[in-house]
């Protein structure tokens, strides 16, 4: 039907007012204008998408680095044969020696005889030590002096210490004290690396 209308217009002379060349130019002008607009739109969309992809990649890389840092903080490691609990690493000996030797051993490991700062840490040490008595980092000069940790800070009195000795250890009954020369197992502690 459309072809009949075009043929009818051509017969009536409508197309005669436009020569073939002028009609072609008009057609090309319309098409080239539409093509330029389409090109600009496509170029704009591609640019926006490219910027969005780059921004997402940068955001992912930054969040990945932050995640790696927080993971490293969260999963700090303890040396081989040491056990992590909270922010510390603990070493439970199998040998039995006196308190002074035990402290010297711990210092050689860049640690001290175990020091606990909360009931949770004390409970962990009590559970993990098993049936054996283990030296910890509490000591005093005599029964008239207060208990101190090996780093010379005062004991926080998280548990009663039984006995009349100068050096403390963990026993089945809690925290006890004895003489330095007695042989026991020991526990070292140091911050996680």
C-alpha atoms as a PDB file:
ATOM      1  CA  UNK A   1       0.000   0.000   0.000  1.00  0.00           C
ATOM      2  CA  UNK A   2       2.859   2.367   0.864  1.00  0.00           C
ATOM      3  CA  UNK A   3       4.406   1.725  -2.543  1.00  0.00           C
ATOM      4  CA  UNK A   4       1.139   2.797  -4.173  1.00  0.00           C
ATOM      5  CA  UNK A   5       1.243   6.072  -2.204  1.00  0.00           C
ATOM      6  CA  UNK A   6       4.846   6.781  -3.227  1.00  0.00           C
ATOM      7  CA  UNK A   7       4.026   6.008  -6.845  1.00  0.00           C
ATOM      8  CA  UNK A   8       0.951   8.239  -6.632  1.00  0.00           C
ATOM      9  CA  UNK A   9       3.047  11.148  -5.224  1.00  0.00           C
ATOM     10  CA  UNK A  10       5.612  10.705  -7.950  1.00  0.00           C
ATOM     11  CA  UNK A  11       2.881  10.798 -10.619  1.00  0.00           C
ATOM     12  CA  UNK A  12       1.393  13.957  -9.175  1.00  0.00           C
ATOM     13  CA  UNK A  13       4.714  15.733  -9.358  1.00  0.00           C
ATOM     14  CA  UNK A  14       5.426  15.999  -5.608  1.00  0.00           C
ATOM     15  CA  UNK A  15       8.769  14.362  -6.040  1.00  0.00           C
ATOM     16  CA  UNK A  16       9.366  16.568  -9.012  1.00  0.00           C
ATOM     17  CA  UNK A  17       9.956  19.499  -6.729  1.00  0.00           C
ATOM     18  CA  UNK A  18      12.861  17.535  -5.191  1.00  0.00           C
ATOM     19  CA  UNK A  19      15.490  16.281  -7.511  1.00  0.00           C
ATOM     20  CA  UNK A  20      17.013  12.888  -6.791  1.00  0.00           C
ATOM     21  CA  UNK A  21      20.248  14.463  -5.603  1.00  0.00           C
ATOM     22  CA  UNK A  22      18.506  16.857  -3.207  1.00  0.00           C
ATOM     23  CA  UNK A  23      16.388  14.048  -1.817  1.00  0.00           C
ATOM     24  CA  UNK A  24      19.500  11.963  -1.241  1.00  0.00           C
ATOM     25  CA  UNK A  25      21.260  14.873   0.550  1.00  0.00           C
ATOM     26  CA  UNK A  26      18.231  15.459   2.765  1.00  0.00           C
ATOM     27  CA  UNK A  27      18.091  11.747   3.584  1.00  0.00           C
ATOM     28  CA  UNK A  28      21.841  11.603   4.361  1.00  0.00           C
ATOM     29  CA  UNK A  29      21.627  14.723   6.558  1.00  0.00           C
ATOM     30  CA  UNK A  30      18.857  13.162   8.630  1.00  0.00           C
ATOM     31  CA  UNK A  31      20.678   9.828   8.857  1.00  0.00           C
ATOM     32  CA  UNK A  32      24.080  11.388   9.657  1.00  0.00           C
ATOM     33  CA  UNK A  33      22.506  13.554  12.387  1.00  0.00           C
ATOM     34  CA  UNK A  34      20.857  10.462  13.902  1.00  0.00           C
ATOM     35  CA  UNK A  35      24.111   8.526  13.560  1.00  0.00           C
ATOM     36  CA  UNK A  36      26.088  11.271  15.354  1.00  0.00           C
ATOM     37  CA  UNK A  37      23.556  11.342  18.199  1.00  0.00           C
ATOM     38  CA  UNK A  38      23.630   7.539  18.467  1.00  0.00           C
ATOM     39  CA  UNK A  39      27.429   7.579  18.394  1.00  0.00           C
ATOM     40  CA  UNK A  40      27.597  10.188  21.154  1.00  0.00           C
ATOM     41  CA  UNK A  41      25.093   8.259  23.264  1.00  0.00           C
ATOM     42  CA  UNK A  42      26.977   5.021  22.796  1.00  0.00           C
ATOM     43  CA  UNK A  43      30.290   6.751  23.537  1.00  0.00           C
ATOM     44  CA  UNK A  44      28.802   8.321  26.665  1.00  0.00           C
ATOM     45  CA  UNK A  45      27.401   4.998  27.887  1.00  0.00           C
ATOM     46  CA  UNK A  46      30.738   3.249  27.252  1.00  0.00           C
ATOM     47  CA  UNK A  47      32.599   6.025  29.108  1.00  0.00           C
ATOM     48  CA  UNK A  48      30.221   5.848  32.091  1.00  0.00           C
ATOM     49  CA  UNK A  49      30.484   2.050  32.227  1.00  0.00           C
ATOM     50  CA  UNK A  50      34.288   2.183  32.011  1.00  0.00           C
ATOM     51  CA  UNK A  51      34.489   4.710  34.845  1.00  0.00           C
ATOM     52  CA  UNK A  52      32.089   2.588  36.939  1.00  0.00           C
ATOM     53  CA  UNK A  53      34.155  -0.582  36.385  1.00  0.00           C
ATOM     54  CA  UNK A  54      37.413   1.202  37.274  1.00  0.00           C
ATOM     55  CA  UNK A  55      35.812   2.685  40.415  1.00  0.00           C
ATOM     56  CA  UNK A  56      34.558  -0.750  41.474  1.00  0.00           C
ATOM     57  CA  UNK A  57      37.991  -2.304  40.928  1.00  0.00           C
ATOM     58  CA  UNK A  58      39.660   0.407  43.016  1.00  0.00           C
ATOM     59  CA  UNK A  59      37.058  -0.019  45.780  1.00  0.00           C
ATOM     60  CA  UNK A  60      37.560  -3.799  45.793  1.00  0.00           C
ATOM     61  CA  UNK A  61      41.338  -3.477  45.947  1.00  0.00           C
ATOM     62  CA  UNK A  62      41.150  -1.005  48.837  1.00  0.00           C
ATOM     63  CA  UNK A  63      38.673  -3.130  50.795  1.00  0.00           C
ATOM     64  CA  UNK A  64      40.811  -6.222  50.155  1.00  0.00           C
ATOM     65  CA  UNK A  65      43.880  -4.472  51.611  1.00  0.00           C
ATOM     66  CA  UNK A  66      41.895  -3.356  54.673  1.00  0.00           C
ATOM     67  CA  UNK A  67      40.551  -6.894  55.059  1.00  0.00           C
ATOM     68  CA  UNK A  68      44.063  -8.349  54.840  1.00  0.00           C
ATOM     69  CA  UNK A  69      45.273  -5.947  57.539  1.00  0.00           C
ATOM     70  CA  UNK A  70      42.345  -6.749  59.835  1.00  0.00           C
ATOM     71  CA  UNK A  71      42.761 -10.473  59.192  1.00  0.00           C
ATOM     72  CA  UNK A  72      46.432 -10.216  60.133  1.00  0.00           C
ATOM     73  CA  UNK A  73      45.476  -8.420  63.342  1.00  0.00           C
ATOM     74  CA  UNK A  74      42.765 -10.941  64.123  1.00  0.00           C
ATOM     75  CA  UNK A  75      44.805 -14.026  63.284  1.00  0.00           C
ATOM     76  CA  UNK A  76      48.128 -13.156  64.860  1.00  0.00           C
ATOM     77  CA  UNK A  77      50.330 -16.209  65.050  1.00  0.00           C
ATOM     78  CA  UNK A  78      52.084 -17.999  67.867  1.00  0.00           C
ATOM     79  CA  UNK A  79      55.389 -19.853  67.466  1.00  0.00           C
ATOM     80  CA  UNK A  80      55.410 -23.608  66.996  1.00  0.00           C
ATOM     81  CA  UNK A  81      54.503 -25.484  70.208  1.00  0.00           C
ATOM     82  CA  UNK A  82      52.872 -22.349  71.673  1.00  0.00           C
ATOM     83  CA  UNK A  83      49.119 -22.002  72.172  1.00  0.00           C
ATOM     84  CA  UNK A  84      47.237 -18.801  71.444  1.00  0.00           C
ATOM     85  CA  UNK A  85      44.571 -17.466  73.752  1.00  0.00           C
ATOM     86  CA  UNK A  86      43.279 -13.905  73.507  1.00  0.00           C
ATOM     87  CA  UNK A  87      46.159 -11.612  72.631  1.00  0.00           C
ATOM     88  CA  UNK A  88      48.864 -13.910  74.059  1.00  0.00           C
ATOM     89  CA  UNK A  89      50.796 -17.045  73.273  1.00  0.00           C
ATOM     90  CA  UNK A  90      51.461 -19.621  75.995  1.00  0.00           C
ATOM     91  CA  UNK A  91      54.073 -22.365  76.209  1.00  0.00           C
ATOM     92  CA  UNK A  92      53.415 -25.338  78.523  1.00  0.00           C
ATOM     93  CA  UNK A  93      56.635 -27.186  79.338  1.00  0.00           C
ATOM     94  CA  UNK A  94      57.019 -30.945  79.584  1.00  0.00           C
ATOM     95  CA  UNK A  95      60.246 -30.705  81.617  1.00  0.00           C
ATOM     96  CA  UNK A  96      60.409 -30.038  85.336  1.00  0.00           C
ATOM     97  CA  UNK A  97      62.796 -27.418  86.760  1.00  0.00           C
ATOM     98  CA  UNK A  98      62.969 -24.805  89.512  1.00  0.00           C
ATOM     99  CA  UNK A  99      61.324 -21.366  89.236  1.00  0.00           C
ATOM    100  CA  UNK A 100      64.545 -19.512  88.355  1.00  0.00           C
ATOM    101  CA  UNK A 101      65.464 -21.905  85.546  1.00  0.00           C
ATOM    102  CA  UNK A 102      61.885 -21.711  84.243  1.00  0.00           C
ATOM    103  CA  UNK A 103      62.009 -17.913  84.085  1.00  0.00           C
ATOM    104  CA  UNK A 104      65.411 -18.020  82.366  1.00  0.00           C
ATOM    105  CA  UNK A 105      64.015 -20.459  79.793  1.00  0.00           C
ATOM    106  CA  UNK A 106      61.052 -18.148  79.103  1.00  0.00           C
ATOM    107  CA  UNK A 107      63.309 -15.106  78.747  1.00  0.00           C
ATOM    108  CA  UNK A 108      65.395 -17.000  76.169  1.00  0.00           C
ATOM    109  CA  UNK A 109      62.132 -17.338  74.217  1.00  0.00           C
ATOM    110  CA  UNK A 110      61.510 -13.547  74.489  1.00  0.00           C
ATOM    111  CA  UNK A 111      58.777 -14.263  77.036  1.00  0.00           C
ATOM    112  CA  UNK A 112      58.206 -14.415  80.799  1.00  0.00           C
ATOM    113  CA  UNK A 113      56.725 -16.964  83.127  1.00  0.00           C
ATOM    114  CA  UNK A 114      52.969 -16.801  82.517  1.00  0.00           C
ATOM    115  CA  UNK A 115      51.081 -13.726  83.553  1.00  0.00           C
ATOM    116  CA  UNK A 116      47.270 -13.615  83.458  1.00  0.00           C
ATOM    117  CA  UNK A 117      45.197 -10.455  83.396  1.00  0.00           C
ATOM    118  CA  UNK A 118      41.667 -11.832  83.656  1.00  0.00           C
ATOM    119  CA  UNK A 119      39.651 -14.690  85.130  1.00  0.00           C
ATOM    120  CA  UNK A 120      39.222 -16.022  81.574  1.00  0.00           C
ATOM    121  CA  UNK A 121      42.990 -16.304  81.090  1.00  0.00           C
ATOM    122  CA  UNK A 122      43.401 -17.939  84.499  1.00  0.00           C
ATOM    123  CA  UNK A 123      40.603 -20.385  83.700  1.00  0.00           C
ATOM    124  CA  UNK A 124      42.251 -21.218  80.347  1.00  0.00           C
ATOM    125  CA  UNK A 125      45.613 -21.861  82.041  1.00  0.00           C
ATOM    126  CA  UNK A 126      44.003 -24.040  84.713  1.00  0.00           C
ATOM    127  CA  UNK A 127      42.177 -26.120  82.108  1.00  0.00           C
ATOM    128  CA  UNK A 128      45.081 -26.503  79.731  1.00  0.00           C
ATOM    129  CA  UNK A 129      47.807 -27.328  82.263  1.00  0.00           C
ATOM    130  CA  UNK A 130      46.201 -30.678  83.076  1.00  0.00           C
ATOM    131  CA  UNK A 131      47.019 -32.504  86.319  1.00  0.00           C
ATOM    132  CA  UNK A 132      50.577 -31.195  86.717  1.00  0.00           C
ATOM    133  CA  UNK A 133      51.599 -28.149  88.750  1.00  0.00           C
ATOM    134  CA  UNK A 134      53.143 -25.359  86.613  1.00  0.00           C
ATOM    135  CA  UNK A 135      55.232 -22.355  87.664  1.00  0.00           C
ATOM    136  CA  UNK A 136      53.795 -18.950  86.736  1.00  0.00           C
ATOM    137  CA  UNK A 137      55.331 -15.475  86.848  1.00  0.00           C
ATOM    138  CA  UNK A 138      54.316 -14.437  90.362  1.00  0.00           C
ATOM    139  CA  UNK A 139      56.967 -14.061  93.071  1.00  0.00           C
ATOM    140  CA  UNK A 140      57.684 -12.154  96.266  1.00  0.00           C
ATOM    141  CA  UNK A 141      60.717 -11.535  98.434  1.00  0.00           C
ATOM    142  CA  UNK A 142      59.085 -12.871 101.608  1.00  0.00           C
ATOM    143  CA  UNK A 143      55.674 -13.383 103.207  1.00  0.00           C
ATOM    144  CA  UNK A 144      55.771  -9.720 104.313  1.00  0.00           C
ATOM    145  CA  UNK A 145      56.065  -8.476 100.710  1.00  0.00           C
ATOM    146  CA  UNK A 146      53.358  -8.251  98.066  1.00  0.00           C
ATOM    147  CA  UNK A 147      53.161 -10.538  95.041  1.00  0.00           C
ATOM    148  CA  UNK A 148      54.639  -9.145  91.828  1.00  0.00           C
ATOM    149  CA  UNK A 149      54.803 -10.338  88.231  1.00  0.00           C
ATOM    150  CA  UNK A 150      58.151 -10.955  86.564  1.00  0.00           C
ATOM    151  CA  UNK A 151      57.835  -7.592  84.762  1.00  0.00           C
ATOM    152  CA  UNK A 152      57.689  -6.045  88.285  1.00  0.00           C
ATOM    153  CA  UNK A 153      54.013  -5.002  88.094  1.00  0.00           C
ATOM    154  CA  UNK A 154      51.864  -5.657  91.137  1.00  0.00           C
ATOM    155  CA  UNK A 155      49.590  -8.716  91.212  1.00  0.00           C
ATOM    156  CA  UNK A 156      45.963  -7.861  90.443  1.00  0.00           C
ATOM    157  CA  UNK A 157      44.585 -10.302  93.072  1.00  0.00           C
ATOM    158  CA  UNK A 158      42.463 -12.317  90.633  1.00  0.00           C
ATOM    159  CA  UNK A 159      42.832 -15.332  92.861  1.00  0.00           C
ATOM    160  CA  UNK A 160      43.954 -16.210  96.372  1.00  0.00           C
ATOM    161  CA  UNK A 161      47.481 -17.615  96.604  1.00  0.00           C
ATOM    162  CA  UNK A 162      47.894 -20.495  99.073  1.00  0.00           C
ATOM    163  CA  UNK A 163      51.097 -21.275 100.935  1.00  0.00           C
ATOM    164  CA  UNK A 164      54.094 -19.517 102.418  1.00  0.00           C
ATOM    165  CA  UNK A 165      56.516 -19.788  99.467  1.00  0.00           C
ATOM    166  CA  UNK A 166      58.104 -17.022  97.386  1.00  0.00           C
ATOM    167  CA  UNK A 167      57.148 -18.366  93.945  1.00  0.00           C
ATOM    168  CA  UNK A 168      53.672 -19.101  92.641  1.00  0.00           C
ATOM    169  CA  UNK A 169      52.417 -22.043  90.598  1.00  0.00           C
ATOM    170  CA  UNK A 170      49.113 -23.376  89.343  1.00  0.00           C
ATOM    171  CA  UNK A 171      47.960 -26.527  91.111  1.00  0.00           C
ATOM    172  CA  UNK A 172      44.741 -28.534  91.076  1.00  0.00           C
ATOM    173  CA  UNK A 173      43.544 -26.340  93.951  1.00  0.00           C
ATOM    174  CA  UNK A 174      44.209 -22.989  92.190  1.00  0.00           C
ATOM    175  CA  UNK A 175      47.198 -20.724  92.778  1.00  0.00           C
ATOM    176  CA  UNK A 176      49.706 -22.016  95.310  1.00  0.00           C
ATOM    177  CA  UNK A 177      53.190 -20.986  96.351  1.00  0.00           C
ATOM    178  CA  UNK A 178      56.394 -22.874  97.019  1.00  0.00           C
ATOM    179  CA  UNK A 179      60.129 -22.574  97.334  1.00  0.00           C
ATOM    180  CA  UNK A 180      62.208 -21.642  94.284  1.00  0.00           C
ATOM    181  CA  UNK A 181      64.267 -24.852  94.399  1.00  0.00           C
ATOM    182  CA  UNK A 182      61.245 -27.166  93.934  1.00  0.00           C
ATOM    183  CA  UNK A 183      60.995 -28.722  90.450  1.00  0.00           C
ATOM    184  CA  UNK A 184      57.763 -28.206  88.519  1.00  0.00           C
ATOM    185  CA  UNK A 185      56.658 -27.740  84.949  1.00  0.00           C
ATOM    186  CA  UNK A 186      56.209 -24.109  83.833  1.00  0.00           C
ATOM    187  CA  UNK A 187      54.150 -21.871  81.564  1.00  0.00           C
ATOM    188  CA  UNK A 188      55.649 -19.016  79.516  1.00  0.00           C
ATOM    189  CA  UNK A 189      53.598 -16.198  77.997  1.00  0.00           C
ATOM    190  CA  UNK A 190      54.208 -13.430  75.475  1.00  0.00           C
ATOM    191  CA  UNK A 191      52.107 -11.223  73.204  1.00  0.00           C
ATOM    192  CA  UNK A 192      51.083 -12.639  69.829  1.00  0.00           C
ATOM    193  CA  UNK A 193      53.253 -11.518  66.929  1.00  0.00           C
END
